[in-house]
Amino acid sequence: MNPSLCAIALGSNLGDSLAIVQAAIERLDTFPEVEIVKVSRWYRTKAITLDPESSQPDYINGCAILATTLMPQALLTLLLDMEIQFGRERRERWGARTLDLDLLLYADYVLDTPHLTIPHPRMVDRAFVLLPLTEIAADWIHPLTGCKIGKLAIDPPDLELCLPQPIQIL
């Protein structure tokens, strides 16, 4: 089977978040069915929560392009297993987390099942996804909007809420 290109988003706001997202990339690269093709810069972003009164630490977010021979559901299972290995506990929606891995795009697939929706249903509303994804996949056509990722990233709706800023790694 020929590998398919897919895009994932990575995020963390508990623990040493930069080390965690970098270690997640390294771990993904150890699976024989997955090849890391490109990784964006890392961004510091404000947490967006369901409760405006709650306070969470800033996130470290980024995106990666993978080539994989796994089908979408199998890749999602691998990503969810990795989250658990990195200490993720699902207590509340949009809660703080050690690692969040989202499958954004899988080739030009459109899929809507109870457990997996491709493209990711909220990716076009999230600056912390679109800005790093544009760095590595600006010309990728979003299969539902028909727009290039680079165009979708021009003015994302939550830009003023999450304020993504590239971070300098020394």
Protein backbone atom coordinates (compact mmCIF):
# COMPACT_ATOMS: atom_id res chain seq x y z
CA MET A 1 0.00 0.00 0.00
CA ASN A 2 1.33 3.43 -0.92
CA PRO A 3 1.58 5.87 1.99
CA SER A 4 -1.00 8.63 2.31
CA LEU A 5 -0.19 12.13 3.48
CA CYS A 6 -2.02 13.36 6.52
CA ALA A 7 -1.84 16.39 8.78
CA ILE A 8 -1.96 16.33 12.55
CA ALA A 9 -2.06 19.03 15.21
CA LEU A 10 -0.12 18.71 18.45
CA GLY A 11 -0.70 20.63 21.66
CA SER A 12 0.23 20.59 25.33
CA ASN A 13 -0.30 22.87 28.31
CA LEU A 14 0.62 20.66 31.28
CA GLY A 15 4.16 19.73 32.26
CA ASP A 16 7.15 20.66 30.07
CA SER A 17 4.93 21.25 27.04
CA LEU A 18 7.68 21.98 24.54
CA ALA A 19 9.58 18.82 25.50
CA ILE A 20 6.34 16.82 25.36
CA VAL A 21 5.34 17.86 21.81
CA GLN A 22 8.90 17.37 20.59
CA ALA A 23 9.01 13.90 22.21
CA ALA A 24 5.66 13.07 20.59
CA ILE A 25 7.13 13.81 17.15
CA GLU A 26 10.14 11.63 17.95
CA ARG A 27 7.86 8.80 19.15
CA LEU A 28 5.66 9.00 16.04
CA ASP A 29 8.78 8.64 13.91
CA THR A 30 9.54 5.28 15.54
CA PHE A 31 6.46 3.57 14.10
CA PRO A 32 7.25 1.73 10.84
CA GLU A 33 3.87 2.76 9.36
CA VAL A 34 4.55 6.47 9.96
CA GLU A 35 7.11 8.82 8.45
CA ILE A 36 7.43 12.42 9.62
CA VAL A 37 7.54 14.56 6.46
CA LYS A 38 7.47 18.10 7.90
CA VAL A 39 7.00 19.78 11.27
CA SER A 40 5.96 23.40 11.78
CA ARG A 41 7.47 25.81 14.26
CA TRP A 42 6.00 25.67 17.75
CA TYR A 43 3.56 28.38 18.85
CA ARG A 44 2.61 29.62 22.30
CA THR A 45 -1.15 30.20 22.43
CA LYS A 46 -3.67 31.27 25.04
CA ALA A 47 -5.98 28.50 26.22
CA ILE A 48 -9.57 28.78 25.01
CA THR A 49 -11.91 27.22 27.56
CA LEU A 50 -15.62 26.54 27.86
CA ASP A 51 -15.63 28.47 31.16
CA PRO A 52 -14.34 32.04 30.68
CA GLU A 53 -13.71 32.24 34.43
CA SER A 54 -11.30 29.28 34.43
CA SER A 55 -7.62 29.79 33.91
CA GLN A 56 -5.28 27.38 32.15
CA PRO A 57 -1.59 27.64 31.27
CA ASP A 58 -0.69 28.66 27.72
CA TYR A 59 -0.44 25.90 25.13
CA ILE A 60 2.44 24.92 22.93
CA ASN A 61 0.91 24.05 19.54
CA GLY A 62 2.24 22.92 16.20
CA CYS A 63 1.43 20.73 13.22
CA ALA A 64 3.10 17.92 11.33
CA ILE A 65 2.67 16.24 7.98
CA LEU A 66 2.96 12.46 8.09
CA ALA A 67 3.17 9.82 5.40
CA THR A 68 1.42 6.69 6.66
CA THR A 69 0.26 3.32 5.49
CA LEU A 70 -2.30 3.23 8.32
CA MET A 71 -5.93 3.81 7.44
CA PRO A 72 -7.54 6.82 9.17
CA GLN A 73 -9.17 4.91 12.07
CA ALA A 74 -5.95 2.99 12.79
CA LEU A 75 -3.97 6.24 12.76
CA LEU A 76 -6.48 7.84 15.14
CA THR A 77 -6.13 4.84 17.49
CA LEU A 78 -2.34 5.21 17.43
CA LEU A 79 -2.64 8.96 18.22
CA LEU A 80 -5.10 8.35 21.09
CA ASP A 81 -2.84 5.63 22.52
CA MET A 82 0.10 8.04 22.39
CA GLU A 83 -1.88 10.68 24.30
CA ILE A 84 -2.43 8.14 27.09
CA GLN A 85 1.26 7.15 27.07
CA PHE A 86 2.10 10.83 27.61
CA GLY A 87 -0.23 11.03 30.60
CA ARG A 88 -3.38 12.49 29.06
CA GLU A 89 -6.46 12.20 31.22
CA ARG A 90 -9.81 13.18 29.72
CA ARG A 91 -11.67 14.87 32.54
CA GLU A 92 -13.49 17.70 30.81
CA ARG A 93 -13.94 19.01 27.30
CA TRP A 94 -11.26 21.57 26.43
CA GLY A 95 -9.50 20.88 29.72
CA ALA A 96 -5.77 21.21 30.27
CA ARG A 97 -3.76 18.30 28.90
CA THR A 98 -0.27 16.88 28.72
CA LEU A 99 -0.70 15.98 25.04
CA ASP A 100 -3.41 16.51 22.46
CA LEU A 101 -3.05 14.93 19.02
CA ASP A 102 -5.71 15.70 16.42
CA LEU A 103 -5.99 14.12 12.98
CA LEU A 104 -6.77 17.13 10.79
CA LEU A 105 -6.54 15.90 7.21
CA TYR A 106 -5.99 12.53 5.60
CA ALA A 107 -5.20 12.92 1.89
CA ASP A 108 -8.40 14.32 0.38
CA TYR A 109 -10.68 12.05 2.43
CA VAL A 110 -14.02 13.21 3.74
CA LEU A 111 -15.20 10.94 6.53
CA ASP A 112 -17.93 11.34 9.13
CA THR A 113 -18.34 8.50 11.62
CA PRO A 114 -19.30 8.51 15.30
CA HIS A 115 -15.60 8.27 16.24
CA LEU A 116 -13.78 10.16 13.50
CA THR A 117 -14.52 13.15 11.29
CA ILE A 118 -12.10 14.14 8.51
CA PRO A 119 -11.33 16.90 7.91
CA HIS A 120 -11.28 17.86 11.59
CA PRO A 121 -14.59 19.70 12.07
CA ARG A 122 -13.18 22.75 13.92
CA MET A 123 -9.80 23.16 12.24
CA VAL A 124 -10.92 26.04 9.99
CA ASP A 125 -11.88 28.08 13.09
CA ARG A 126 -8.60 27.63 14.94
CA ALA A 127 -5.67 29.97 14.44
CA PHE A 128 -3.48 27.70 16.58
CA VAL A 129 -4.01 25.00 13.93
CA LEU A 130 -4.13 27.04 10.72
CA LEU A 131 -1.01 29.17 11.32
CA PRO A 132 1.40 26.28 11.92
CA LEU A 133 -0.30 24.13 9.28
CA THR A 134 0.15 26.90 6.71
CA GLU A 135 3.93 26.76 7.27
CA ILE A 136 4.05 23.16 6.08
CA ALA A 137 0.94 22.71 3.90
CA ALA A 138 -0.17 26.11 2.58
CA ASP A 139 -1.28 24.66 -0.77
CA TRP A 140 -3.20 21.67 0.66
CA ILE A 141 -6.83 22.01 -0.42
CA HIS A 142 -9.33 21.60 2.39
CA PRO A 143 -11.68 18.94 0.95
CA LEU A 144 -14.90 20.58 2.17
CA THR A 145 -14.23 24.29 1.66
CA GLY A 146 -12.20 23.88 -1.55
CA CYS A 147 -9.81 26.55 -0.19
CA LYS A 148 -6.08 26.27 0.31
CA ILE A 149 -4.98 26.05 3.93
CA GLY A 150 -2.92 29.22 3.39
CA LYS A 151 -6.06 31.15 2.44
CA LEU A 152 -8.01 29.81 5.43
CA ALA A 153 -5.18 31.00 7.70
CA ILE A 154 -5.38 34.65 6.60
CA ASP A 155 -7.92 35.69 9.23
CA PRO A 156 -9.00 32.82 11.49
CA PRO A 157 -12.00 33.65 13.71
CA ASP A 158 -10.25 32.96 17.05
CA LEU A 159 -7.01 34.83 16.29
CA GLU A 160 -7.65 37.52 18.92
CA LEU A 161 -8.62 34.92 21.53
CA CYS A 162 -5.67 32.54 21.34
CA LEU A 163 -2.96 34.96 20.07
CA PRO A 164 -0.56 32.38 18.60
CA GLN A 165 3.08 33.48 18.74
CA PRO A 166 5.98 31.46 17.29
CA ILE A 167 8.47 30.58 19.98
CA GLN A 168 12.23 30.73 19.68
CA ILE A 169 14.04 27.49 20.44
CA LEU A 170 17.59 28.03 21.56
